[in-house]
Amino acid sequence: MQSPGQAATYGEGLVREMTMAQAEAERNVKQDIEALRSDFDSLRKDVGQLVGTLKDSATSRAETELDALRKRLNKIAGDVQTTGRQQLRTVESQIEERPLVSLAIAFAVGVLLGRLLDRR
């Protein structure tokens, strides 16, 4: 059996060990929290870079698609222009070959348009 003095000394030693263990646990928790903060900062930076990269990639792809669309539209416009010129030449040659028929057709179209517009 322990004497009261030994028990008090044993209790004080136990309290000191518990206090030291608690202090060590607090230091470990603080270190863990700092490590988590650091990890979250790194994660936030990485996500920011990823978003920037995705944005750049999407912008680049959109620009590529827009350029391809412009080229297609320019080709279509060129084809329409070429076809229009060919049709104009065809009409001009038909007018030159048959001027009286062309004049009669123009007169008939004018009369029809006049009646249609007059009814409204």
C-alpha atoms as a PDB file:
ATOM      1  CA  MET A   1       0.000   0.000   0.000  1.00  0.00           C
ATOM      2  CA  GLN A   2       1.123   3.544  -0.702  1.00  0.00           C
ATOM      3  CA  SER A   3       1.533   6.219   1.835  1.00  0.00           C
ATOM      4  CA  PRO A   4      -0.380   9.471   1.386  1.00  0.00           C
ATOM      5  CA  GLY A   5       2.802  11.212   0.287  1.00  0.00           C
ATOM      6  CA  GLN A   6       3.520   8.591  -2.327  1.00  0.00           C
ATOM      7  CA  ALA A   7      -0.051   8.732  -3.573  1.00  0.00           C
ATOM      8  CA  ALA A   8       0.125  12.510  -3.905  1.00  0.00           C
ATOM      9  CA  THR A   9       3.418  12.258  -5.758  1.00  0.00           C
ATOM     10  CA  TYR A  10       2.008   9.531  -7.976  1.00  0.00           C
ATOM     11  CA  GLY A  11      -1.117  11.669  -8.638  1.00  0.00           C
ATOM     12  CA  GLU A  12       0.970  14.735  -9.460  1.00  0.00           C
ATOM     13  CA  GLY A  13       3.098  12.676 -11.837  1.00  0.00           C
ATOM     14  CA  LEU A  14      -0.022  11.306 -13.439  1.00  0.00           C
ATOM     15  CA  VAL A  15      -1.442  14.826 -13.807  1.00  0.00           C
ATOM     16  CA  ARG A  16       1.848  16.028 -15.361  1.00  0.00           C
ATOM     17  CA  GLU A  17       1.849  13.133 -17.819  1.00  0.00           C
ATOM     18  CA  MET A  18      -1.766  13.820 -18.738  1.00  0.00           C
ATOM     19  CA  THR A  19      -1.029  17.535 -19.135  1.00  0.00           C
ATOM     20  CA  MET A  20       1.975  16.760 -21.330  1.00  0.00           C
ATOM     21  CA  ALA A  21      -0.077  14.282 -23.357  1.00  0.00           C
ATOM     22  CA  GLN A  22      -2.819  16.857 -23.737  1.00  0.00           C
ATOM     23  CA  ALA A  23      -0.303  19.498 -24.834  1.00  0.00           C
ATOM     24  CA  GLU A  24       1.187  17.046 -27.328  1.00  0.00           C
ATOM     25  CA  ALA A  25      -2.296  16.218 -28.637  1.00  0.00           C
ATOM     26  CA  GLU A  26      -3.060  19.948 -29.021  1.00  0.00           C
ATOM     27  CA  ARG A  27       0.199  20.461 -30.942  1.00  0.00           C
ATOM     28  CA  ASN A  28      -0.684  17.507 -33.187  1.00  0.00           C
ATOM     29  CA  VAL A  29      -4.175  18.914 -33.806  1.00  0.00           C
ATOM     30  CA  LYS A  30      -2.717  22.341 -34.630  1.00  0.00           C
ATOM     31  CA  GLN A  31      -0.228  20.747 -37.018  1.00  0.00           C
ATOM     32  CA  ASP A  32      -3.024  18.750 -38.661  1.00  0.00           C
ATOM     33  CA  ILE A  33      -5.138  21.889 -39.040  1.00  0.00           C
ATOM     34  CA  GLU A  34      -2.223  23.754 -40.622  1.00  0.00           C
ATOM     35  CA  ALA A  35      -1.604  20.816 -42.957  1.00  0.00           C
ATOM     36  CA  LEU A  36      -5.293  20.838 -43.943  1.00  0.00           C
ATOM     37  CA  ARG A  37      -5.172  24.594 -44.585  1.00  0.00           C
ATOM     38  CA  SER A  38      -2.116  24.144 -46.736  1.00  0.00           C
ATOM     39  CA  ASP A  39      -3.773  21.286 -48.633  1.00  0.00           C
ATOM     40  CA  PHE A  40      -6.931  23.353 -49.183  1.00  0.00           C
ATOM     41  CA  ASP A  41      -4.855  26.286 -50.456  1.00  0.00           C
ATOM     42  CA  SER A  42      -3.056  23.978 -52.875  1.00  0.00           C
ATOM     43  CA  LEU A  43      -6.343  22.436 -53.955  1.00  0.00           C
ATOM     44  CA  ARG A  44      -7.887  25.874 -54.523  1.00  0.00           C
ATOM     45  CA  LYS A  45      -4.913  26.935 -56.649  1.00  0.00           C
ATOM     46  CA  ASP A  46      -5.044  23.679 -58.641  1.00  0.00           C
ATOM     47  CA  VAL A  47      -8.786  24.057 -59.257  1.00  0.00           C
ATOM     48  CA  GLY A  48      -8.213  27.648 -60.363  1.00  0.00           C
ATOM     49  CA  GLN A  49      -5.559  26.525 -62.825  1.00  0.00           C
ATOM     50  CA  LEU A  50      -7.815  23.740 -64.075  1.00  0.00           C
ATOM     51  CA  VAL A  51     -10.683  26.179 -64.636  1.00  0.00           C
ATOM     52  CA  GLY A  52      -8.321  28.508 -66.485  1.00  0.00           C
ATOM     53  CA  THR A  53      -7.077  25.667 -68.656  1.00  0.00           C
ATOM     54  CA  LEU A  54     -10.623  24.514 -69.422  1.00  0.00           C
ATOM     55  CA  LYS A  55     -11.623  28.081 -70.265  1.00  0.00           C
ATOM     56  CA  ASP A  56      -8.649  28.477 -72.598  1.00  0.00           C
ATOM     57  CA  SER A  57      -9.396  25.137 -74.227  1.00  0.00           C
ATOM     58  CA  ALA A  58     -13.070  25.997 -74.720  1.00  0.00           C
ATOM     59  CA  THR A  59     -12.170  29.417 -76.117  1.00  0.00           C
ATOM     60  CA  SER A  60      -9.650  27.876 -78.496  1.00  0.00           C
ATOM     61  CA  ARG A  61     -12.149  25.273 -79.676  1.00  0.00           C
ATOM     62  CA  ALA A  62     -14.853  27.907 -80.140  1.00  0.00           C
ATOM     63  CA  GLU A  63     -12.453  30.043 -82.181  1.00  0.00           C
ATOM     64  CA  THR A  64     -11.547  27.031 -84.324  1.00  0.00           C
ATOM     65  CA  GLU A  65     -15.215  26.220 -84.921  1.00  0.00           C
ATOM     66  CA  LEU A  66     -15.951  29.867 -85.693  1.00  0.00           C
ATOM     67  CA  ASP A  67     -13.130  29.979 -88.228  1.00  0.00           C
ATOM     68  CA  ALA A  68     -14.418  26.804 -89.884  1.00  0.00           C
ATOM     69  CA  LEU A  69     -17.922  28.292 -90.001  1.00  0.00           C
ATOM     70  CA  ARG A  70     -16.593  31.520 -91.545  1.00  0.00           C
ATOM     71  CA  LYS A  71     -14.790  29.521 -94.232  1.00  0.00           C
ATOM     72  CA  ARG A  72     -17.949  27.554 -95.014  1.00  0.00           C
ATOM     73  CA  LEU A  73     -20.011  30.748 -95.193  1.00  0.00           C
ATOM     74  CA  ASN A  74     -17.453  32.411 -97.448  1.00  0.00           C
ATOM     75  CA  LYS A  75     -17.472  29.362 -99.735  1.00  0.00           C
ATOM     76  CA  ILE A  76     -21.280  29.333 -99.846  1.00  0.00           C
ATOM     77  CA  ALA A  77     -21.340  33.080-100.536  1.00  0.00           C
ATOM     78  CA  GLY A  78     -18.810  32.595-103.328  1.00  0.00           C
ATOM     79  CA  ASP A  79     -20.852  29.739-104.811  1.00  0.00           C
ATOM     80  CA  VAL A  80     -24.053  31.804-104.658  1.00  0.00           C
ATOM     81  CA  GLN A  81     -22.286  34.724-106.287  1.00  0.00           C
ATOM     82  CA  THR A  82     -20.900  32.513-109.042  1.00  0.00           C
ATOM     83  CA  THR A  83     -24.296  30.904-109.652  1.00  0.00           C
ATOM     84  CA  GLY A  84     -25.978  34.318-109.684  1.00  0.00           C
ATOM     85  CA  ARG A  85     -23.524  35.632-112.268  1.00  0.00           C
ATOM     86  CA  GLN A  86     -24.050  32.546-114.448  1.00  0.00           C
ATOM     87  CA  GLN A  87     -27.841  32.927-114.250  1.00  0.00           C
ATOM     88  CA  LEU A  88     -27.572  36.625-115.086  1.00  0.00           C
ATOM     89  CA  ARG A  89     -25.471  35.818-118.154  1.00  0.00           C
ATOM     90  CA  THR A  90     -28.029  33.183-119.208  1.00  0.00           C
ATOM     91  CA  VAL A  91     -30.902  35.666-118.868  1.00  0.00           C
ATOM     92  CA  GLU A  92     -28.936  38.358-120.724  1.00  0.00           C
ATOM     93  CA  SER A  93     -28.170  35.972-123.587  1.00  0.00           C
ATOM     94  CA  GLN A  94     -31.837  34.899-123.800  1.00  0.00           C
ATOM     95  CA  ILE A  95     -32.923  38.540-123.885  1.00  0.00           C
ATOM     96  CA  GLU A  96     -30.427  39.256-126.672  1.00  0.00           C
ATOM     97  CA  GLU A  97     -31.594  36.206-128.647  1.00  0.00           C
ATOM     98  CA  ARG A  98     -35.327  36.995-128.318  1.00  0.00           C
ATOM     99  CA  PRO A  99     -35.829  40.662-127.450  1.00  0.00           C
ATOM    100  CA  LEU A 100     -39.543  40.780-128.401  1.00  0.00           C
ATOM    101  CA  VAL A 101     -40.434  37.696-126.340  1.00  0.00           C
ATOM    102  CA  SER A 102     -38.507  39.165-123.400  1.00  0.00           C
ATOM    103  CA  LEU A 103     -40.372  42.458-123.750  1.00  0.00           C
ATOM    104  CA  ALA A 104     -43.739  40.653-123.844  1.00  0.00           C
ATOM    105  CA  ILE A 105     -42.830  38.620-120.728  1.00  0.00           C
ATOM    106  CA  ALA A 106     -41.716  41.755-118.877  1.00  0.00           C
ATOM    107  CA  PHE A 107     -44.983  43.494-119.848  1.00  0.00           C
ATOM    108  CA  ALA A 108     -47.069  40.510-118.642  1.00  0.00           C
ATOM    109  CA  VAL A 109     -45.200  40.362-115.335  1.00  0.00           C
ATOM    110  CA  GLY A 110     -45.753  44.095-114.881  1.00  0.00           C
ATOM    111  CA  VAL A 111     -49.489  43.763-115.523  1.00  0.00           C
ATOM    112  CA  LEU A 112     -49.779  40.854-113.046  1.00  0.00           C
ATOM    113  CA  LEU A 113     -47.861  42.711-110.364  1.00  0.00           C
ATOM    114  CA  GLY A 114     -49.980  45.814-110.945  1.00  0.00           C
ATOM    115  CA  ARG A 115     -53.199  43.861-110.434  1.00  0.00           C
ATOM    116  CA  LEU A 116     -51.891  42.069-107.347  1.00  0.00           C
ATOM    117  CA  LEU A 117     -50.759  45.293-105.738  1.00  0.00           C
ATOM    118  CA  ASP A 118     -53.915  47.130-106.779  1.00  0.00           C
ATOM    119  CA  ARG A 119     -56.140  44.625-104.939  1.00  0.00           C
ATOM    120  CA  ARG A 120     -54.431  45.165-101.619  1.00  0.00           C
END
